[in-house]
Protein backbone atom coordinates (compact mmCIF):
# COMPACT_ATOMS: atom_id res chain seq x y z
CA UNK A 1 0.01 -0.01 -0.37
CA UNK A 2 3.25 2.49 0.58
CA UNK A 3 4.50 1.70 -2.89
CA UNK A 4 0.96 2.72 -4.26
CA UNK A 5 0.67 6.00 -1.78
CA UNK A 6 4.61 6.92 -3.62
CA UNK A 7 3.78 6.39 -7.11
CA UNK A 8 1.10 8.15 -7.12
CA UNK A 9 2.17 11.39 -5.47
CA UNK A 10 5.41 11.13 -7.64
CA UNK A 11 2.65 11.70 -10.54
CA UNK A 12 1.02 14.18 -9.16
CA UNK A 13 4.16 15.35 -8.93
CA UNK A 14 5.02 15.55 -12.29
CA UNK A 15 1.87 16.33 -13.17
CA UNK A 16 1.09 19.85 -11.52
CA UNK A 17 3.58 21.98 -13.58
CA UNK A 18 2.34 21.04 -16.84
CA UNK A 19 -1.37 21.65 -15.56
CA UNK A 20 0.11 25.31 -14.46
CA UNK A 21 1.22 25.96 -18.04
CA UNK A 22 -2.06 24.83 -19.27
CA UNK A 23 -3.95 26.98 -17.29
CA UNK A 24 -1.66 30.43 -18.34
CA UNK A 25 -1.81 29.67 -22.21
CA UNK A 26 -4.93 31.30 -23.90
CA UNK A 27 -6.42 31.25 -27.69
CA UNK A 28 -4.19 33.69 -28.18
CA UNK A 29 -0.83 31.70 -27.63
CA UNK A 30 -1.56 29.07 -30.08
CA UNK A 31 -4.71 30.68 -32.49
CA UNK A 32 -3.68 28.49 -35.27
CA UNK A 33 -3.91 24.80 -33.36
CA UNK A 34 -6.30 25.24 -30.71
CA UNK A 35 -8.65 27.28 -31.51
CA UNK A 36 -9.89 27.76 -34.69
CA UNK A 37 -12.75 29.93 -33.60
CA UNK A 38 -12.29 32.92 -31.76
CA UNK A 39 -15.96 34.92 -30.35
CA UNK A 40 -16.14 38.92 -29.85
CA UNK A 41 -19.32 40.58 -28.13
CA UNK A 42 -18.64 44.40 -28.09
CA UNK A 43 -19.88 47.79 -28.53
CA UNK A 44 -18.83 51.10 -30.11
CA UNK A 45 -19.93 54.86 -30.03
CA UNK A 46 -18.58 57.29 -31.95
CA UNK A 47 -19.86 59.60 -34.96
CA UNK A 48 -21.97 60.02 -37.96
CA UNK A 49 -22.23 62.13 -41.32
CA UNK A 50 -23.48 62.45 -44.39
CA UNK A 51 -22.93 63.45 -47.84
CA UNK A 52 -26.15 64.67 -49.37
CA UNK A 53 -26.97 67.31 -52.22
CA UNK A 54 -27.50 69.98 -49.09
CA UNK A 55 -24.80 71.96 -47.89
CA UNK A 56 -21.18 71.47 -48.36
CA UNK A 57 -18.36 74.29 -49.42
CA UNK A 58 -18.05 77.07 -51.99
CA UNK A 59 -18.11 76.64 -55.46
CA UNK A 60 -20.61 73.79 -57.56
CA UNK A 61 -21.57 70.47 -55.01
CA UNK A 62 -18.56 68.48 -55.07
CA UNK A 63 -18.35 64.19 -54.95
CA UNK A 64 -17.04 62.51 -51.19
CA UNK A 65 -15.30 64.72 -48.60
CA UNK A 66 -14.62 67.83 -50.10
CA UNK A 67 -18.45 68.70 -49.60
CA UNK A 68 -18.19 67.97 -46.15
CA UNK A 69 -19.34 70.04 -43.47
CA UNK A 70 -18.27 68.97 -39.69
CA UNK A 71 -20.59 71.03 -38.04
CA UNK A 72 -23.27 68.08 -39.03
CA UNK A 73 -21.09 65.41 -37.08
CA UNK A 74 -24.06 63.17 -34.80
CA UNK A 75 -23.15 60.48 -32.46
CA UNK A 76 -23.79 57.01 -33.31
CA UNK A 77 -23.53 53.78 -31.36
CA UNK A 78 -24.00 50.41 -32.09
CA UNK A 79 -23.65 46.64 -30.38
CA UNK A 80 -22.47 43.50 -32.23
CA UNK A 81 -21.44 40.14 -32.37
CA UNK A 82 -18.19 38.93 -34.47
CA UNK A 83 -17.12 35.58 -34.91
CA UNK A 84 -12.92 35.20 -36.31
CA UNK A 85 -11.36 32.21 -38.26
CA UNK A 86 -7.38 32.00 -36.99
CA UNK A 87 -7.82 36.14 -35.87
CA UNK A 88 -7.35 36.31 -39.34
CA UNK A 89 -11.03 36.68 -41.10
CA UNK A 90 -14.20 37.58 -39.17
CA UNK A 91 -17.76 37.79 -40.07
CA UNK A 92 -19.66 40.37 -37.47
CA UNK A 93 -23.27 41.39 -37.43
CA UNK A 94 -23.90 44.87 -35.74
CA UNK A 95 -26.82 47.14 -34.69
CA UNK A 96 -26.05 50.98 -35.43
CA UNK A 97 -28.03 53.65 -34.32
CA UNK A 98 -27.27 57.09 -35.24
CA UNK A 99 -28.08 60.86 -36.96
CA UNK A 100 -27.48 62.26 -40.18
CA UNK A 101 -28.60 66.08 -40.77
CA UNK A 102 -27.67 68.92 -42.77
CA UNK A 103 -28.23 72.42 -44.17
CA UNK A 104 -27.95 74.57 -46.86
CA UNK A 105 -27.49 77.50 -44.07
CA UNK A 106 -23.63 75.46 -43.92
CA UNK A 107 -22.85 77.97 -47.01
CA UNK A 108 -23.67 81.18 -45.26
CA UNK A 109 -19.83 82.66 -45.36
CA UNK A 110 -20.00 81.92 -48.98
CA UNK A 111 -23.27 82.44 -50.41
CA UNK A 112 -22.36 84.27 -52.75
CA UNK A 113 -19.86 81.21 -54.38
CA UNK A 114 -21.79 78.66 -53.26
CA UNK A 115 -23.89 77.92 -57.27
CA UNK A 116 -27.23 79.07 -55.60
CA UNK A 117 -26.70 76.49 -53.41
CA UNK A 118 -26.86 79.07 -49.89
CA UNK A 119 -30.44 80.53 -51.54
CA UNK A 120 -32.06 77.14 -52.17
CA UNK A 121 -31.93 77.10 -47.80
CA UNK A 122 -33.12 73.47 -47.57
CA UNK A 123 -32.19 71.47 -44.57
CA UNK A 124 -32.77 67.96 -42.94
CA UNK A 125 -32.46 65.49 -40.36
CA UNK A 126 -33.39 61.87 -40.16
CA UNK A 127 -32.69 59.27 -36.86
CA UNK A 128 -30.27 55.84 -38.67
CA UNK A 129 -31.25 52.58 -37.76
CA UNK A 130 -29.12 49.80 -39.16
CA UNK A 131 -28.22 46.10 -39.64
CA UNK A 132 -25.44 44.75 -41.13
CA UNK A 133 -23.38 42.02 -42.45
CA UNK A 134 -19.67 42.60 -43.01
CA UNK A 135 -16.74 40.12 -43.51
CA UNK A 136 -13.68 41.72 -41.77
CA UNK A 137 -9.96 40.95 -43.27
CA UNK A 138 -6.70 41.20 -41.24
CA UNK A 139 -3.85 40.62 -43.69
CA UNK A 140 -1.32 40.41 -40.15
CA UNK A 141 -2.71 37.03 -39.66
CA UNK A 142 -2.67 35.69 -42.79
CA UNK A 143 0.82 34.41 -42.75
CA UNK A 144 0.88 31.07 -40.31
CA UNK A 145 2.08 31.65 -36.30
CA UNK A 146 3.96 28.92 -33.77
CA UNK A 147 4.38 28.70 -30.32
CA UNK A 148 7.52 30.97 -30.60
CA UNK A 149 6.75 33.78 -32.44
CA UNK A 150 4.96 37.19 -30.69
CA UNK A 151 1.51 37.99 -32.19
CA UNK A 152 1.07 41.11 -33.78
CA UNK A 153 -0.64 44.09 -30.83
CA UNK A 154 -2.60 45.75 -33.41
CA UNK A 155 -4.44 43.99 -36.58
CA UNK A 156 -5.64 47.05 -39.46
CA UNK A 157 -8.30 45.68 -41.24
CA UNK A 158 -10.44 45.86 -44.42
CA UNK A 159 -14.36 45.63 -43.56
CA UNK A 160 -17.32 45.40 -46.65
CA UNK A 161 -20.72 43.90 -46.20
CA UNK A 162 -24.61 44.54 -47.02
CA UNK A 163 -26.91 46.29 -44.38
CA UNK A 164 -30.35 47.31 -43.91
CA UNK A 165 -30.99 50.55 -42.45
CA UNK A 166 -34.46 52.41 -42.21
CA UNK A 167 -34.17 57.05 -42.69
CA UNK A 168 -37.15 59.04 -42.51
CA UNK A 169 -35.49 62.97 -44.04
CA UNK A 170 -37.29 65.82 -41.49
CA UNK A 171 -37.43 69.35 -42.25
CA UNK A 172 -38.37 71.84 -39.52
CA UNK A 173 -41.13 73.83 -40.20
CA UNK A 174 -42.54 77.00 -37.21
CA UNK A 175 -40.95 75.48 -34.88
CA UNK A 176 -41.98 71.77 -35.74
CA UNK A 177 -40.15 68.44 -37.62
CA UNK A 178 -42.50 67.76 -40.46
CA UNK A 179 -41.71 64.15 -41.92
CA UNK A 180 -40.88 65.32 -45.04
CA UNK A 181 -41.36 61.66 -47.89
CA UNK A 182 -45.17 62.41 -47.07
CA UNK A 183 -45.08 65.52 -48.68
CA UNK A 184 -43.68 64.65 -51.97
CA UNK A 185 -41.56 67.67 -52.24
CA UNK A 186 -40.10 67.33 -55.84
CA UNK A 187 -43.66 65.20 -57.14
CA UNK A 188 -42.37 61.39 -56.36
CA UNK A 189 -45.95 59.23 -57.44
CA UNK A 190 -47.28 62.72 -59.36
CA UNK A 191 -49.21 61.59 -62.47
CA UNK A 192 -47.86 64.22 -64.09
CA UNK A 193 -44.01 62.90 -63.22
CA UNK A 194 -44.25 59.22 -63.66
CA UNK A 195 -40.78 59.28 -63.50
CA UNK A 196 -40.46 60.44 -60.12
CA UNK A 197 -41.38 56.79 -58.09
CA UNK A 198 -41.80 57.18 -54.10
CA UNK A 199 -38.35 56.33 -52.14
CA UNK A 200 -38.59 53.79 -49.50
CA UNK A 201 -37.55 54.64 -46.19
CA UNK A 202 -35.96 50.85 -45.34
CA UNK A 203 -33.48 49.83 -47.84
CA UNK A 204 -29.69 48.06 -48.58
CA UNK A 205 -27.01 49.35 -48.60
CA UNK A 206 -23.16 48.42 -49.16
CA UNK A 207 -21.26 49.51 -45.87
CA UNK A 208 -17.00 49.01 -46.91
CA UNK A 209 -14.53 50.62 -44.71
CA UNK A 210 -11.19 50.08 -42.68
CA UNK A 211 -9.45 50.36 -38.87
CA UNK A 212 -6.96 48.76 -36.44
CA UNK A 213 -7.52 46.34 -33.97
CA UNK A 214 -5.45 46.37 -29.79
CA UNK A 215 -5.03 43.99 -28.51
CA UNK A 216 -5.38 45.16 -24.42
CA UNK A 217 -5.35 41.74 -23.12
CA UNK A 218 -5.82 38.33 -23.65
CA UNK A 219 -10.08 39.01 -23.03
CA UNK A 220 -10.44 42.34 -24.44
CA UNK A 221 -9.99 44.48 -27.81
CA UNK A 222 -10.07 48.04 -28.51
CA UNK A 223 -10.92 48.73 -31.81
CA UNK A 224 -10.52 52.01 -33.96
CA UNK A 225 -12.63 52.10 -37.48
CA UNK A 226 -14.38 54.42 -40.32
CA UNK A 227 -17.47 53.26 -41.95
CA UNK A 228 -18.89 54.85 -45.21
CA UNK A 229 -22.04 53.08 -46.76
CA UNK A 230 -22.45 52.80 -50.45
CA UNK A 231 -26.59 53.53 -51.12
CA UNK A 232 -29.33 53.54 -53.96
CA UNK A 233 -30.87 56.38 -53.38
CA UNK A 234 -30.29 59.97 -53.49
CA UNK A 235 -33.79 61.10 -51.06
CA UNK A 236 -31.55 60.55 -47.74
CA UNK A 237 -32.29 64.70 -47.45
CA UNK A 238 -35.51 64.19 -49.95
CA UNK A 239 -33.65 66.27 -52.24
CA UNK A 240 -32.53 64.99 -55.87
CA UNK A 241 -33.71 66.52 -58.88
CA UNK A 242 -35.71 69.57 -60.15
CA UNK A 243 -39.07 71.48 -58.48
CA UNK A 244 -42.32 70.95 -59.26
CA UNK A 245 -45.18 73.04 -60.34
CA UNK A 246 -46.67 74.57 -57.00
CA UNK A 247 -49.97 74.22 -57.97
CA UNK A 248 -49.90 70.75 -58.42
CA UNK A 249 -49.64 69.90 -54.68
CA UNK A 250 -53.78 71.42 -54.56
CA UNK A 251 -54.49 68.14 -56.54
CA UNK A 252 -53.05 65.98 -54.29
CA UNK A 253 -53.16 67.70 -51.10
CA UNK A 254 -55.68 69.71 -48.77
CA UNK A 255 -55.37 71.69 -45.66
CA UNK A 256 -52.54 71.58 -42.93
CA UNK A 257 -51.12 68.91 -45.15
CA UNK A 258 -50.89 71.43 -48.63
CA UNK A 259 -49.88 74.04 -46.46
CA UNK A 260 -46.87 72.10 -45.31
CA UNK A 261 -46.21 70.65 -48.97
CA UNK A 262 -46.11 74.37 -50.69
CA UNK A 263 -44.22 75.58 -47.32
CA UNK A 264 -40.95 72.93 -47.46
CA UNK A 265 -41.13 71.78 -51.08
CA UNK A 266 -39.22 75.32 -52.45
CA UNK A 267 -38.11 78.00 -48.99
CA UNK A 268 -35.84 80.48 -51.04
CA UNK A 269 -38.51 82.68 -50.62
CA UNK A 270 -37.23 82.72 -46.72
CA UNK A 271 -34.40 83.91 -47.66
CA UNK A 272 -35.84 86.32 -50.45
CA UNK A 273 -38.97 87.89 -50.53
CA UNK A 274 -38.74 89.03 -54.19
CA UNK A 275 -38.23 85.46 -54.85
CA UNK A 276 -40.34 83.90 -57.34
CA UNK A 277 -40.87 79.54 -57.91
CA UNK A 278 -40.36 78.49 -61.45
CA UNK A 279 -41.32 74.51 -62.09
CA UNK A 280 -38.34 72.84 -63.58
CA UNK A 281 -35.32 74.77 -61.98
CA UNK A 282 -32.44 72.86 -60.67
CA UNK A 283 -33.28 71.35 -56.67
CA UNK A 284 -30.66 68.89 -56.39
CA UNK A 285 -27.81 66.30 -58.56
CA UNK A 286 -29.73 63.15 -59.02
CA UNK A 287 -26.44 61.92 -60.94
CA UNK A 288 -24.72 61.09 -57.32
CA UNK A 289 -26.86 58.93 -54.53
CA UNK A 290 -26.32 60.74 -51.03
CA UNK A 291 -24.00 58.16 -48.41
CA UNK A 292 -23.32 57.89 -44.51
CA UNK A 293 -20.30 57.45 -42.36
CA UNK A 294 -19.78 56.61 -39.50
CA UNK A 295 -15.84 56.60 -37.29
CA UNK A 296 -16.67 54.44 -34.19
CA UNK A 297 -14.45 53.31 -30.97
CA UNK A 298 -15.27 49.64 -30.27
CA UNK A 299 -14.74 47.74 -26.85
CA UNK A 300 -15.12 43.92 -27.41
CA UNK A 301 -14.98 40.94 -25.01
CA UNK A 302 -13.62 37.64 -26.48
CA UNK A 303 -14.10 34.05 -25.63
């Protein structure tokens, strides 16, 4: 019996160091051989802005960042879940909440060199709710690491995917926010403009972007990323093409709704009382779809 206890004690003593080593190991010590998949849940806070027909800089309207008004930046937040394969490729689903807005009033300091956009005097604001499915590509993890290699703490990445978002452009009239789409401000749905269809407030978008992830610990990551959404609509701001004939609104609306439609479809008279609306004048640029983007700061917990 004594010999049995001696043998058992020897086995336990030899096993303890191995158990200690195993306890100190994590998925990051051996990402290719121990854990093919790593999961992450987290949340983000950041900022959202947009590129639409409204606002911008001096001269004619331009594409992308040249017409960015930083003052239109609004808060944004999200929650997400992701699954990464060998830390190199990840699939992420995310729910995003934010606000976008733009106003021709931003052109006040360059109003005489704004190609008439300041005097157009239009504005909008919309909440955004988005659900997306995107793929992250982390190039630094495409090489094979061994147990003796030191894994990178910072991982730059690219992302792209598909999203489904909801918006609702609104404008303030006499101190009250008014939904713009029901007013058909550009004649959407009017028989006189058969090519102008009523736009949908729930649509598909295509998020693309880049960022970098910093490994705070084996269980926690910090990320910074910028995501740009490619849209299939030019009506994020309810502005796209030309002014319609004002008299047509009385054919489709009455009472309070008629007053709202006639007041919000063309607001140049609020700046120039002598202005007279002309059907067919330029209201927006239908050649360029709208877009919005966000800058996010993310904290994620891995398991």
